[in-house]
PDB file of all heavy atoms in Angstrom:
ATOM      1  N   PHE A   1      -0.504  51.262 -15.422  1.00  0.00           N
ATOM      2  CA  PHE A   1      -0.823  51.866 -16.711  1.00  0.00           C
ATOM      3  C   PHE A   1      -2.312  52.186 -16.836  1.00  0.00           C
ATOM      4  O   PHE A   1      -2.700  53.054 -17.630  1.00  0.00           O
ATOM      5  CB  PHE A   1      -0.419  50.923 -17.849  1.00  0.00           C
ATOM      6  CG  PHE A   1       1.061  50.849 -18.074  1.00  0.00           C
ATOM      7  CD1 PHE A   1       1.628  49.774 -18.734  1.00  0.00           C
ATOM      8  CD2 PHE A   1       1.895  51.863 -17.641  1.00  0.00           C
ATOM      9  CE1 PHE A   1       2.988  49.699 -18.954  1.00  0.00           C
ATOM     10  CE2 PHE A   1       3.262  51.809 -17.836  1.00  0.00           C
ATOM     11  CZ  PHE A   1       3.810  50.731 -18.494  1.00  0.00           C
ATOM     12  N   MET A   2      -3.159  51.497 -16.088  1.00  0.00           N
ATOM     13  CA  MET A   2      -4.598  51.735 -16.155  1.00  0.00           C
ATOM     14  C   MET A   2      -5.039  52.924 -15.302  1.00  0.00           C
ATOM     15  O   MET A   2      -6.150  53.425 -15.472  1.00  0.00           O
ATOM     16  CB  MET A   2      -5.346  50.485 -15.693  1.00  0.00           C
ATOM     17  CG  MET A   2      -5.203  49.287 -16.603  1.00  0.00           C
ATOM     18  SD  MET A   2      -6.020  49.543 -18.187  1.00  0.00           S
ATOM     19  CE  MET A   2      -7.716  49.625 -17.642  1.00  0.00           C
ATOM     20  N   VAL A   3      -4.189  53.376 -14.385  1.00  0.00           N
ATOM     21  CA  VAL A   3      -4.583  54.474 -13.487  1.00  0.00           C
ATOM     22  C   VAL A   3      -4.894  55.758 -14.260  1.00  0.00           C
ATOM     23  O   VAL A   3      -5.924  56.410 -14.001  1.00  0.00           O
ATOM     24  CB  VAL A   3      -3.492  54.709 -12.427  1.00  0.00           C
ATOM     25  CG1 VAL A   3      -3.785  55.969 -11.612  1.00  0.00           C
ATOM     26  CG2 VAL A   3      -3.400  53.500 -11.510  1.00  0.00           C
ATOM     27  N   PRO A   4      -4.063  56.197 -15.233  1.00  0.00           N
ATOM     28  CA  PRO A   4      -4.453  57.401 -15.993  1.00  0.00           C
ATOM     29  C   PRO A   4      -5.764  57.239 -16.737  1.00  0.00           C
ATOM     30  O   PRO A   4      -6.528  58.208 -16.887  1.00  0.00           O
ATOM     31  CB  PRO A   4      -3.279  57.593 -16.965  1.00  0.00           C
ATOM     32  CG  PRO A   4      -2.132  56.887 -16.339  1.00  0.00           C
ATOM     33  CD  PRO A   4      -2.730  55.718 -15.629  1.00  0.00           C
ATOM     34  N   VAL A   5      -6.068  56.022 -17.192  1.00  0.00           N
ATOM     35  CA  VAL A   5      -7.334  55.797 -17.892  1.00  0.00           C
ATOM     36  C   VAL A   5      -8.507  55.976 -16.929  1.00  0.00           C
ATOM     37  O   VAL A   5      -9.577  56.464 -17.311  1.00  0.00           O
ATOM     38  CB  VAL A   5      -7.345  54.390 -18.525  1.00  0.00           C
ATOM     39  CG1 VAL A   5      -8.589  54.191 -19.375  1.00  0.00           C
ATOM     40  CG2 VAL A   5      -6.097  54.176 -19.367  1.00  0.00           C
ATOM     41  N   ILE A   6      -8.314  55.585 -15.677  1.00  0.00           N
ATOM     42  CA  ILE A   6      -9.374  55.780 -14.676  1.00  0.00           C
ATOM     43  C   ILE A   6      -9.669  57.270 -14.507  1.00  0.00           C
ATOM     44  O   ILE A   6     -10.836  57.696 -14.469  1.00  0.00           O
ATOM     45  CB  ILE A   6      -8.949  55.147 -13.333  1.00  0.00           C
ATOM     46  CG1 ILE A   6      -8.839  53.633 -13.465  1.00  0.00           C
ATOM     47  CG2 ILE A   6      -9.932  55.516 -12.234  1.00  0.00           C
ATOM     48  CD1 ILE A   6      -8.343  52.951 -12.206  1.00  0.00           C
ATOM     49  N   PHE A   7      -8.617  58.080 -14.416  1.00  0.00           N
ATOM     50  CA  PHE A   7      -8.825  59.519 -14.246  1.00  0.00           C
ATOM     51  C   PHE A   7      -9.460  60.139 -15.493  1.00  0.00           C
ATOM     52  O   PHE A   7     -10.282  61.060 -15.387  1.00  0.00           O
ATOM     53  CB  PHE A   7      -7.493  60.202 -13.925  1.00  0.00           C
ATOM     54  CG  PHE A   7      -7.033  59.975 -12.520  1.00  0.00           C
ATOM     55  CD1 PHE A   7      -5.984  59.102 -12.244  1.00  0.00           C
ATOM     56  CD2 PHE A   7      -7.648  60.621 -11.463  1.00  0.00           C
ATOM     57  CE1 PHE A   7      -5.555  58.890 -10.948  1.00  0.00           C
ATOM     58  CE2 PHE A   7      -7.226  60.418 -10.157  1.00  0.00           C
ATOM     59  CZ  PHE A   7      -6.178  59.546  -9.889  1.00  0.00           C
ATOM     60  N   LEU A   8      -9.107  59.638 -16.684  1.00  0.00           N
ATOM     61  CA  LEU A   8      -9.735  60.156 -17.904  1.00  0.00           C
ATOM     62  C   LEU A   8     -11.225  59.821 -17.944  1.00  0.00           C
ATOM     63  O   LEU A   8     -12.052  60.661 -18.314  1.00  0.00           O
ATOM     64  CB  LEU A   8      -9.024  59.585 -19.132  1.00  0.00           C
ATOM     65  CG  LEU A   8      -7.635  60.130 -19.421  1.00  0.00           C
ATOM     66  CD1 LEU A   8      -6.997  59.368 -20.578  1.00  0.00           C
ATOM     67  CD2 LEU A   8      -7.688  61.620 -19.745  1.00  0.00           C
ATOM     68  N   SER A   9     -11.575  58.598 -17.581  1.00  0.00           N
ATOM     69  CA  SER A   9     -12.995  58.236 -17.553  1.00  0.00           C
ATOM     70  C   SER A   9     -13.742  59.008 -16.466  1.00  0.00           C
ATOM     71  O   SER A   9     -14.897  59.395 -16.641  1.00  0.00           O
ATOM     72  CB  SER A   9     -13.150  56.731 -17.334  1.00  0.00           C
ATOM     73  OG  SER A   9     -12.524  56.331 -16.130  1.00  0.00           O
ATOM     74  N   LEU A  10     -13.080  59.233 -15.336  1.00  0.00           N
ATOM     75  CA  LEU A  10     -13.696  60.058 -14.288  1.00  0.00           C
ATOM     76  C   LEU A  10     -13.908  61.479 -14.772  1.00  0.00           C
ATOM     77  O   LEU A  10     -14.906  62.132 -14.429  1.00  0.00           O
ATOM     78  CB  LEU A  10     -12.813  60.042 -13.038  1.00  0.00           C
ATOM     79  CG  LEU A  10     -13.327  60.822 -11.828  1.00  0.00           C
ATOM     80  CD1 LEU A  10     -14.656  60.260 -11.354  1.00  0.00           C
ATOM     81  CD2 LEU A  10     -12.303  60.796 -10.697  1.00  0.00           C
ATOM     82  N   LEU A  11     -12.990  61.980 -15.594  1.00  0.00           N
ATOM     83  CA  LEU A  11     -13.147  63.315 -16.162  1.00  0.00           C
ATOM     84  C   LEU A  11     -14.378  63.396 -17.053  1.00  0.00           C
ATOM     85  O   LEU A  11     -15.098  64.403 -17.057  1.00  0.00           O
ATOM     86  CB  LEU A  11     -11.892  63.681 -16.961  1.00  0.00           C
ATOM     87  CG  LEU A  11     -11.875  65.056 -17.636  1.00  0.00           C
ATOM     88  CD1 LEU A  11     -11.967  66.161 -16.594  1.00  0.00           C
ATOM     89  CD2 LEU A  11     -10.621  65.219 -18.482  1.00  0.00           C
ATOM     90  N   LEU A  12     -14.644  62.325 -17.807  1.00  0.00           N
ATOM     91  CA  LEU A  12     -15.855  62.307 -18.632  1.00  0.00           C
ATOM     92  C   LEU A  12     -17.111  62.355 -17.779  1.00  0.00           C
ATOM     93  O   LEU A  12     -18.084  63.045 -18.112  1.00  0.00           O
ATOM     94  CB  LEU A  12     -15.865  61.048 -19.503  1.00  0.00           C
ATOM     95  CG  LEU A  12     -14.854  60.979 -20.642  1.00  0.00           C
ATOM     96  CD1 LEU A  12     -14.949  59.625 -21.332  1.00  0.00           C
ATOM     97  CD2 LEU A  12     -15.085  62.088 -21.645  1.00  0.00           C
ATOM     98  N   VAL A  13     -17.112  61.608 -16.677  1.00  0.00           N
ATOM     99  CA  VAL A  13     -18.276  61.586 -15.793  1.00  0.00           C
ATOM    100  C   VAL A  13     -18.514  62.957 -15.173  1.00  0.00           C
ATOM    101  O   VAL A  13     -19.637  63.472 -15.165  1.00  0.00           O
ATOM    102  CB  VAL A  13     -18.097  60.512 -14.706  1.00  0.00           C
ATOM    103  CG1 VAL A  13     -19.264  60.540 -13.726  1.00  0.00           C
ATOM    104  CG2 VAL A  13     -17.987  59.132 -15.339  1.00  0.00           C
ATOM    105  N   THR A  14     -17.466  63.566 -14.632  1.00  0.00           N
ATOM    106  CA  THR A  14     -17.619  64.888 -14.012  1.00  0.00           C
ATOM    107  C   THR A  14     -17.992  65.950 -15.054  1.00  0.00           C
ATOM    108  O   THR A  14     -18.756  66.872 -14.756  1.00  0.00           O
ATOM    109  CB  THR A  14     -16.315  65.285 -13.313  1.00  0.00           C
ATOM    110  OG1 THR A  14     -15.223  65.208 -14.253  1.00  0.00           O
ATOM    111  CG2 THR A  14     -16.038  64.348 -12.157  1.00  0.00           C
ATOM    112  N   ARG A  15     -17.467  65.799 -16.263  1.00  0.00           N
ATOM    113  CA  ARG A  15     -17.807  66.765 -17.317  1.00  0.00           C
ATOM    114  C   ARG A  15     -19.285  66.680 -17.669  1.00  0.00           C
ATOM    115  O   ARG A  15     -19.949  67.701 -17.878  1.00  0.00           O
ATOM    116  CB  ARG A  15     -16.948  66.498 -18.546  1.00  0.00           C
ATOM    117  CG  ARG A  15     -17.111  67.497 -19.676  1.00  0.00           C
ATOM    118  CD  ARG A  15     -16.067  67.260 -20.749  1.00  0.00           C
ATOM    119  NE  ARG A  15     -16.221  68.164 -21.879  1.00  0.00           N
ATOM    120  CZ  ARG A  15     -16.927  67.871 -22.963  1.00  0.00           C
ATOM    121  NH1 ARG A  15     -17.530  66.698 -23.068  1.00  0.00           N
ATOM    122  NH2 ARG A  15     -17.033  68.739 -23.964  1.00  0.00           N
ATOM    123  N   ARG A  16     -19.813  65.461 -17.725  1.00  0.00           N
ATOM    124  CA  ARG A  16     -21.239  65.316 -18.030  1.00  0.00           C
ATOM    125  C   ARG A  16     -22.087  65.888 -16.903  1.00  0.00           C
ATOM    126  O   ARG A  16     -23.098  66.569 -17.154  1.00  0.00           O
ATOM    127  CB  ARG A  16     -21.557  63.846 -18.252  1.00  0.00           C
ATOM    128  CG  ARG A  16     -23.035  63.551 -18.409  1.00  0.00           C
ATOM    129  CD  ARG A  16     -23.288  62.132 -18.887  1.00  0.00           C
ATOM    130  NE  ARG A  16     -22.827  61.947 -20.243  1.00  0.00           N
ATOM    131  CZ  ARG A  16     -23.030  60.844 -20.951  1.00  0.00           C
ATOM    132  NH1 ARG A  16     -23.697  59.841 -20.416  1.00  0.00           N
ATOM    133  NH2 ARG A  16     -22.594  60.740 -22.174  1.00  0.00           N
ATOM    134  N   CYS A  17     -21.700  65.617 -15.665  1.00  0.00           N
ATOM    135  CA  CYS A  17     -22.451  66.180 -14.531  1.00  0.00           C
ATOM    136  C   CYS A  17     -22.390  67.695 -14.537  1.00  0.00           C
ATOM    137  O   CYS A  17     -23.374  68.374 -14.213  1.00  0.00           O
ATOM    138  CB  CYS A  17     -21.896  65.626 -13.220  1.00  0.00           C
ATOM    139  SG  CYS A  17     -22.093  63.846 -13.010  1.00  0.00           S
ATOM    140  N   PHE A  18     -21.242  68.250 -14.914  1.00  0.00           N
ATOM    141  CA  PHE A  18     -21.095  69.699 -14.954  1.00  0.00           C
ATOM    142  C   PHE A  18     -22.001  70.305 -16.010  1.00  0.00           C
ATOM    143  O   PHE A  18     -22.647  71.337 -15.786  1.00  0.00           O
ATOM    144  CB  PHE A  18     -19.634  70.044 -15.240  1.00  0.00           C
ATOM    145  CG  PHE A  18     -19.354  71.520 -15.282  1.00  0.00           C
ATOM    146  CD1 PHE A  18     -19.396  72.280 -14.123  1.00  0.00           C
ATOM    147  CD2 PHE A  18     -19.062  72.144 -16.487  1.00  0.00           C
ATOM    148  CE1 PHE A  18     -19.135  73.645 -14.160  1.00  0.00           C
ATOM    149  CE2 PHE A  18     -18.807  73.499 -16.542  1.00  0.00           C
ATOM    150  CZ  PHE A  18     -18.842  74.258 -15.368  1.00  0.00           C
ATOM    151  N   HIS A  19     -22.086  69.665 -17.172  1.00  0.00           N
ATOM    152  CA  HIS A  19     -22.966  70.164 -18.220  1.00  0.00           C
ATOM    153  C   HIS A  19     -24.428  70.059 -17.815  1.00  0.00           C
ATOM    154  O   HIS A  19     -25.244  70.930 -18.146  1.00  0.00           O
ATOM    155  CB  HIS A  19     -22.716  69.388 -19.520  1.00  0.00           C
ATOM    156  CG  HIS A  19     -21.537  69.879 -20.285  1.00  0.00           C
ATOM    157  ND1 HIS A  19     -21.513  71.102 -20.924  1.00  0.00           N
ATOM    158  CD2 HIS A  19     -20.321  69.319 -20.532  1.00  0.00           C
ATOM    159  CE1 HIS A  19     -20.350  71.276 -21.528  1.00  0.00           C
ATOM    160  NE2 HIS A  19     -19.604  70.194 -21.300  1.00  0.00           N
ATOM    161  N   LYS A  20     -24.796  68.990 -17.114  1.00  0.00           N
ATOM    162  CA  LYS A  20     -26.177  68.880 -16.648  1.00  0.00           C
ATOM    163  C   LYS A  20     -26.501  69.985 -15.664  1.00  0.00           C
ATOM    164  O   LYS A  20     -27.601  70.532 -15.658  1.00  0.00           O
ATOM    165  CB  LYS A  20     -26.387  67.514 -15.996  1.00  0.00           C
ATOM    166  CG  LYS A  20     -26.478  66.367 -16.995  1.00  0.00           C
ATOM    167  CD  LYS A  20     -26.783  65.066 -16.272  1.00  0.00           C
ATOM    168  CE  LYS A  20     -26.917  63.923 -17.279  1.00  0.00           C
ATOM    169  NZ  LYS A  20     -27.211  62.628 -16.585  1.00  0.00           N
ATOM    170  N   LEU A  21     -25.521  70.322 -14.806  1.00  0.00           N
ATOM    171  CA  LEU A  21     -25.739  71.408 -13.855  1.00  0.00           C
ATOM    172  C   LEU A  21     -25.932  72.730 -14.577  1.00  0.00           C
ATOM    173  O   LEU A  21     -26.793  73.534 -14.214  1.00  0.00           O
ATOM    174  CB  LEU A  21     -24.550  71.483 -12.895  1.00  0.00           C
ATOM    175  CG  LEU A  21     -24.623  72.557 -11.795  1.00  0.00           C
ATOM    176  CD1 LEU A  21     -25.812  72.285 -10.889  1.00  0.00           C
ATOM    177  CD2 LEU A  21     -23.332  72.586 -10.994  1.00  0.00           C
ATOM    178  N   LEU A  22     -25.142  72.974 -15.629  1.00  0.00           N
ATOM    179  CA  LEU A  22     -25.307  74.198 -16.405  1.00  0.00           C
ATOM    180  C   LEU A  22     -26.651  74.227 -17.103  1.00  0.00           C
ATOM    181  O   LEU A  22     -27.287  75.280 -17.205  1.00  0.00           O
ATOM    182  CB  LEU A  22     -24.173  74.311 -17.434  1.00  0.00           C
ATOM    183  CG  LEU A  22     -22.782  74.646 -16.885  1.00  0.00           C
ATOM    184  CD1 LEU A  22     -21.777  74.721 -18.028  1.00  0.00           C
ATOM    185  CD2 LEU A  22     -22.798  75.954 -16.107  1.00  0.00           C
ATOM    186  N   ASN A  23     -27.118  73.089 -17.592  1.00  0.00           N
ATOM    187  CA  ASN A  23     -28.416  73.051 -18.261  1.00  0.00           C
ATOM    188  C   ASN A  23     -29.544  73.366 -17.293  1.00  0.00           C
ATOM    189  O   ASN A  23     -30.516  74.041 -17.645  1.00  0.00           O
ATOM    190  CB  ASN A  23     -28.639  71.675 -18.886  1.00  0.00           C
ATOM    191  CG  ASN A  23     -27.708  71.423 -20.054  1.00  0.00           C
ATOM    192  OD1 ASN A  23     -27.226  72.354 -20.682  1.00  0.00           O
ATOM    193  ND2 ASN A  23     -27.449  70.144 -20.341  1.00  0.00           N
ATOM    194  N   ASN A  24     -29.438  72.882 -16.076  1.00  0.00           N
ATOM    195  CA  ASN A  24     -30.467  73.183 -15.083  1.00  0.00           C
ATOM    196  C   ASN A  24     -30.504  74.649 -14.721  1.00  0.00           C
ATOM    197  O   ASN A  24     -31.545  75.182 -14.348  1.00  0.00           O
ATOM    198  CB  ASN A  24     -30.238  72.343 -13.820  1.00  0.00           C
ATOM    199  CG  ASN A  24     -30.436  70.867 -14.069  1.00  0.00           C
ATOM    200  OD1 ASN A  24     -31.199  70.475 -14.963  1.00  0.00           O
ATOM    201  ND2 ASN A  24     -29.751  70.027 -13.286  1.00  0.00           N
ATOM    202  N   GLU A  25     -29.368  75.336 -14.799  1.00  0.00           N
ATOM    203  CA  GLU A  25     -29.313  76.762 -14.464  1.00  0.00           C
ATOM    204  C   GLU A  25     -29.550  77.636 -15.688  1.00  0.00           C
ATOM    205  O   GLU A  25     -29.389  78.852 -15.622  1.00  0.00           O
ATOM    206  CB  GLU A  25     -27.952  77.090 -13.847  1.00  0.00           C
ATOM    207  CG  GLU A  25     -27.730  76.403 -12.505  1.00  0.00           C
ATOM    208  CD  GLU A  25     -26.353  76.692 -11.945  1.00  0.00           C
ATOM    209  OE1 GLU A  25     -25.586  77.382 -12.662  1.00  0.00           O
ATOM    210  OE2 GLU A  25     -26.057  76.260 -10.822  1.00  0.00           O
ATOM    211  N   ASN A  26     -29.890  77.021 -16.847  1.00  0.00           N
ATOM    212  CA  ASN A  26     -30.215  77.770 -18.064  1.00  0.00           C
ATOM    213  C   ASN A  26     -29.081  78.670 -18.512  1.00  0.00           C
ATOM    214  O   ASN A  26     -29.274  79.835 -18.850  1.00  0.00           O
ATOM    215  CB  ASN A  26     -31.482  78.610 -17.852  1.00  0.00           C
ATOM    216  CG  ASN A  26     -32.700  77.760 -17.614  1.00  0.00           C
ATOM    217  OD1 ASN A  26     -32.837  76.704 -18.231  1.00  0.00           O
ATOM    218  ND2 ASN A  26     -33.586  78.223 -16.737  1.00  0.00           N
ATOM    219  N   HIS A  27     -27.877  78.134 -18.518  1.00  0.00           N
ATOM    220  CA  HIS A  27     -26.718  78.881 -18.999  1.00  0.00           C
ATOM    221  C   HIS A  27     -26.151  78.249 -20.260  1.00  0.00           C
ATOM    222  O   HIS A  27     -24.941  78.290 -20.487  1.00  0.00           O
ATOM    223  CB  HIS A  27     -25.630  78.944 -17.921  1.00  0.00           C
ATOM    224  CG  HIS A  27     -25.988  79.827 -16.785  1.00  0.00           C
ATOM    225  ND1 HIS A  27     -26.229  81.174 -16.933  1.00  0.00           N
ATOM    226  CD2 HIS A  27     -26.156  79.533 -15.472  1.00  0.00           C
ATOM    227  CE1 HIS A  27     -26.528  81.685 -15.750  1.00  0.00           C
ATOM    228  NE2 HIS A  27     -26.491  80.710 -14.851  1.00  0.00           N
ATOM    229  N   ASN A  28     -27.010  77.629 -21.067  1.00  0.00           N
ATOM    230  CA  ASN A  28     -26.527  77.016 -22.309  1.00  0.00           C
ATOM    231  C   ASN A  28     -26.136  78.091 -23.303  1.00  0.00           C
ATOM    232  O   ASN A  28     -26.793  79.117 -23.431  1.00  0.00           O
ATOM    233  CB  ASN A  28     -27.620  76.132 -22.924  1.00  0.00           C
ATOM    234  CG  ASN A  28     -27.852  74.888 -22.110  1.00  0.00           C
ATOM    235  OD1 ASN A  28     -26.999  74.510 -21.326  1.00  0.00           O
ATOM    236  ND2 ASN A  28     -29.003  74.257 -22.295  1.00  0.00           N
ATOM    237  N   SER A  29     -25.080  77.840 -23.999  1.00  0.00           N
ATOM    238  CA  SER A  29     -24.664  78.746 -25.065  1.00  0.00           C
ATOM    239  C   SER A  29     -25.504  78.505 -26.303  1.00  0.00           C
ATOM    240  O   SER A  29     -26.309  77.578 -26.382  1.00  0.00           O
ATOM    241  CB  SER A  29     -23.187  78.533 -25.380  1.00  0.00           C
ATOM    242  OG  SER A  29     -22.979  77.217 -25.849  1.00  0.00           O
ATOM    243  N   PHE A  30     -25.305  79.367 -27.309  1.00  0.00           N
ATOM    244  CA  PHE A  30     -26.062  79.234 -28.555  1.00  0.00           C
ATOM    245  C   PHE A  30     -25.734  77.928 -29.251  1.00  0.00           C
ATOM    246  O   PHE A  30     -26.611  77.237 -29.786  1.00  0.00           O
ATOM    247  CB  PHE A  30     -25.735  80.405 -29.482  1.00  0.00           C
ATOM    248  CG  PHE A  30     -26.343  80.276 -30.858  1.00  0.00           C
ATOM    249  CD1 PHE A  30     -27.688  80.529 -31.063  1.00  0.00           C
ATOM    250  CD2 PHE A  30     -25.559  79.871 -31.927  1.00  0.00           C
ATOM    251  CE1 PHE A  30     -28.240  80.387 -32.311  1.00  0.00           C
ATOM    252  CE2 PHE A  30     -26.099  79.731 -33.178  1.00  0.00           C
ATOM    253  CZ  PHE A  30     -27.452  80.002 -33.374  1.00  0.00           C
ATOM    254  N   ALA A  31     -24.458  77.533 -29.235  1.00  0.00           N
ATOM    255  CA  ALA A  31     -24.068  76.286 -29.899  1.00  0.00           C
ATOM    256  C   ALA A  31     -24.698  75.074 -29.220  1.00  0.00           C
ATOM    257  O   ALA A  31     -25.124  74.137 -29.896  1.00  0.00           O
ATOM    258  CB  ALA A  31     -22.543  76.150 -29.895  1.00  0.00           C
ATOM    259  N   GLU A  32     -24.802  75.084 -27.884  1.00  0.00           N
ATOM    260  CA  GLU A  32     -25.394  73.944 -27.195  1.00  0.00           C
ATOM    261  C   GLU A  32     -26.890  73.856 -27.479  1.00  0.00           C
ATOM    262  O   GLU A  32     -27.437  72.763 -27.664  1.00  0.00           O
ATOM    263  CB  GLU A  32     -25.138  74.067 -25.698  1.00  0.00           C
ATOM    264  CG  GLU A  32     -23.671  73.883 -25.324  1.00  0.00           C
ATOM    265  CD  GLU A  32     -23.423  74.168 -23.865  1.00  0.00           C
ATOM    266  OE1 GLU A  32     -24.314  74.798 -23.246  1.00  0.00           O
ATOM    267  OE2 GLU A  32     -22.361  73.792 -23.360  1.00  0.00           O
ATOM    268  N   LYS A  33     -27.573  75.004 -27.513  1.00  0.00           N
ATOM    269  CA  LYS A  33     -28.992  74.992 -27.860  1.00  0.00           C
ATOM    270  C   LYS A  33     -29.202  74.480 -29.276  1.00  0.00           C
ATOM    271  O   LYS A  33     -30.134  73.727 -29.556  1.00  0.00           O
ATOM    272  CB  LYS A  33     -29.571  76.407 -27.714  1.00  0.00           C
ATOM    273  CG  LYS A  33     -29.636  76.888 -26.275  1.00  0.00           C
ATOM    274  CD  LYS A  33     -30.224  78.280 -26.196  1.00  0.00           C
ATOM    275  CE  LYS A  33     -30.291  78.758 -24.758  1.00  0.00           C
ATOM    276  NZ  LYS A  33     -30.839  80.132 -24.674  1.00  0.00           N
ATOM    277  N   GLN A  34     -28.330  74.937 -30.180  1.00  0.00           N
ATOM    278  CA  GLN A  34     -28.435  74.476 -31.560  1.00  0.00           C
ATOM    279  C   GLN A  34     -28.186  72.978 -31.663  1.00  0.00           C
ATOM    280  O   GLN A  34     -28.858  72.267 -32.412  1.00  0.00           O
ATOM    281  CB  GLN A  34     -27.419  75.237 -32.424  1.00  0.00           C
ATOM    282  CG  GLN A  34     -27.662  75.119 -33.921  1.00  0.00           C
ATOM    283  CD  GLN A  34     -26.688  75.984 -34.692  1.00  0.00           C
ATOM    284  OE1 GLN A  34     -25.625  76.322 -34.205  1.00  0.00           O
ATOM    285  NE2 GLN A  34     -27.063  76.339 -35.897  1.00  0.00           N
ATOM    286  N   TYR A  35     -27.246  72.485 -30.890  1.00  0.00           N
ATOM    287  CA  TYR A  35     -26.950  71.049 -30.883  1.00  0.00           C
ATOM    288  C   TYR A  35     -28.142  70.255 -30.346  1.00  0.00           C
ATOM    289  O   TYR A  35     -28.497  69.204 -30.885  1.00  0.00           O
ATOM    290  CB  TYR A  35     -25.715  70.791 -30.028  1.00  0.00           C
ATOM    291  CG  TYR A  35     -25.288  69.353 -29.986  1.00  0.00           C
ATOM    292  CD1 TYR A  35     -24.490  68.821 -30.993  1.00  0.00           C
ATOM    293  CD2 TYR A  35     -25.681  68.524 -28.953  1.00  0.00           C
ATOM    294  CE1 TYR A  35     -24.085  67.504 -30.969  1.00  0.00           C
ATOM    295  CE2 TYR A  35     -25.294  67.202 -28.916  1.00  0.00           C
ATOM    296  CZ  TYR A  35     -24.484  66.702 -29.929  1.00  0.00           C
ATOM    297  OH  TYR A  35     -24.105  65.393 -29.894  1.00  0.00           O
ATOM    298  N   GLU A  36     -28.775  70.774 -29.273  1.00  0.00           N
ATOM    299  CA  GLU A  36     -29.929  70.081 -28.719  1.00  0.00           C
ATOM    300  C   GLU A  36     -31.091  70.080 -29.705  1.00  0.00           C
ATOM    301  O   GLU A  36     -31.783  69.076 -29.860  1.00  0.00           O
ATOM    302  CB  GLU A  36     -30.353  70.752 -27.409  1.00  0.00           C
ATOM    303  CG  GLU A  36     -29.331  70.555 -26.276  1.00  0.00           C
ATOM    304  CD  GLU A  36     -29.741  71.289 -25.021  1.00  0.00           C
ATOM    305  OE1 GLU A  36     -30.780  71.983 -25.077  1.00  0.00           O
ATOM    306  OE2 GLU A  36     -29.028  71.165 -24.014  1.00  0.00           O
ATOM    307  N   ASN A  37     -31.310  71.226 -30.373  1.00  0.00           N
ATOM    308  CA  ASN A  37     -32.382  71.262 -31.366  1.00  0.00           C
ATOM    309  C   ASN A  37     -32.128  70.283 -32.496  1.00  0.00           C
ATOM    310  O   ASN A  37     -33.045  69.599 -32.966  1.00  0.00           O
ATOM    311  CB  ASN A  37     -32.512  72.688 -31.927  1.00  0.00           C
ATOM    312  CG  ASN A  37     -32.979  73.673 -30.869  1.00  0.00           C
ATOM    313  OD1 ASN A  37     -33.659  73.281 -29.917  1.00  0.00           O
ATOM    314  ND2 ASN A  37     -32.613  74.940 -31.027  1.00  0.00           N
ATOM    315  N   MET A  38     -30.884  70.234 -32.951  1.00  0.00           N
ATOM    316  CA  MET A  38     -30.550  69.279 -34.003  1.00  0.00           C
ATOM    317  C   MET A  38     -30.713  67.844 -33.520  1.00  0.00           C
ATOM    318  O   MET A  38     -31.143  66.967 -34.266  1.00  0.00           O
ATOM    319  CB  MET A  38     -29.120  69.514 -34.486  1.00  0.00           C
ATOM    320  CG  MET A  38     -28.672  68.528 -35.581  1.00  0.00           C
ATOM    321  SD  MET A  38     -29.791  68.468 -36.986  1.00  0.00           S
ATOM    322  CE  MET A  38     -29.631  70.156 -37.560  1.00  0.00           C
ATOM    323  N   GLY A  39     -30.373  67.596 -32.248  1.00  0.00           N
ATOM    324  CA  GLY A  39     -30.563  66.256 -31.709  1.00  0.00           C
ATOM    325  C   GLY A  39     -32.025  65.863 -31.661  1.00  0.00           C
ATOM    326  O   GLY A  39     -32.387  64.726 -31.958  1.00  0.00           O
ATOM    327  N   ASP A  40     -32.898  66.844 -31.297  1.00  0.00           N
ATOM    328  CA  ASP A  40     -34.328  66.551 -31.294  1.00  0.00           C
ATOM    329  C   ASP A  40     -34.840  66.253 -32.692  1.00  0.00           C
ATOM    330  O   ASP A  40     -35.637  65.336 -32.898  1.00  0.00           O
ATOM    331  CB  ASP A  40     -35.093  67.737 -30.690  1.00  0.00           C
ATOM    332  CG  ASP A  40     -34.730  67.946 -29.226  1.00  0.00           C
ATOM    333  OD1 ASP A  40     -34.263  66.964 -28.594  1.00  0.00           O
ATOM    334  OD2 ASP A  40     -34.890  69.078 -28.727  1.00  0.00           O
TER     335      ASP A  40
END
């Protein structure tokens, strides 16, 4: 029963890495820039 939870948590990790890769390539959308500005 814990195996699907492992894949879900792995999905979160890969999703975060994917977003970091997009940020490094300067492909952020308007909503992501707005979110970052609001976070700052």
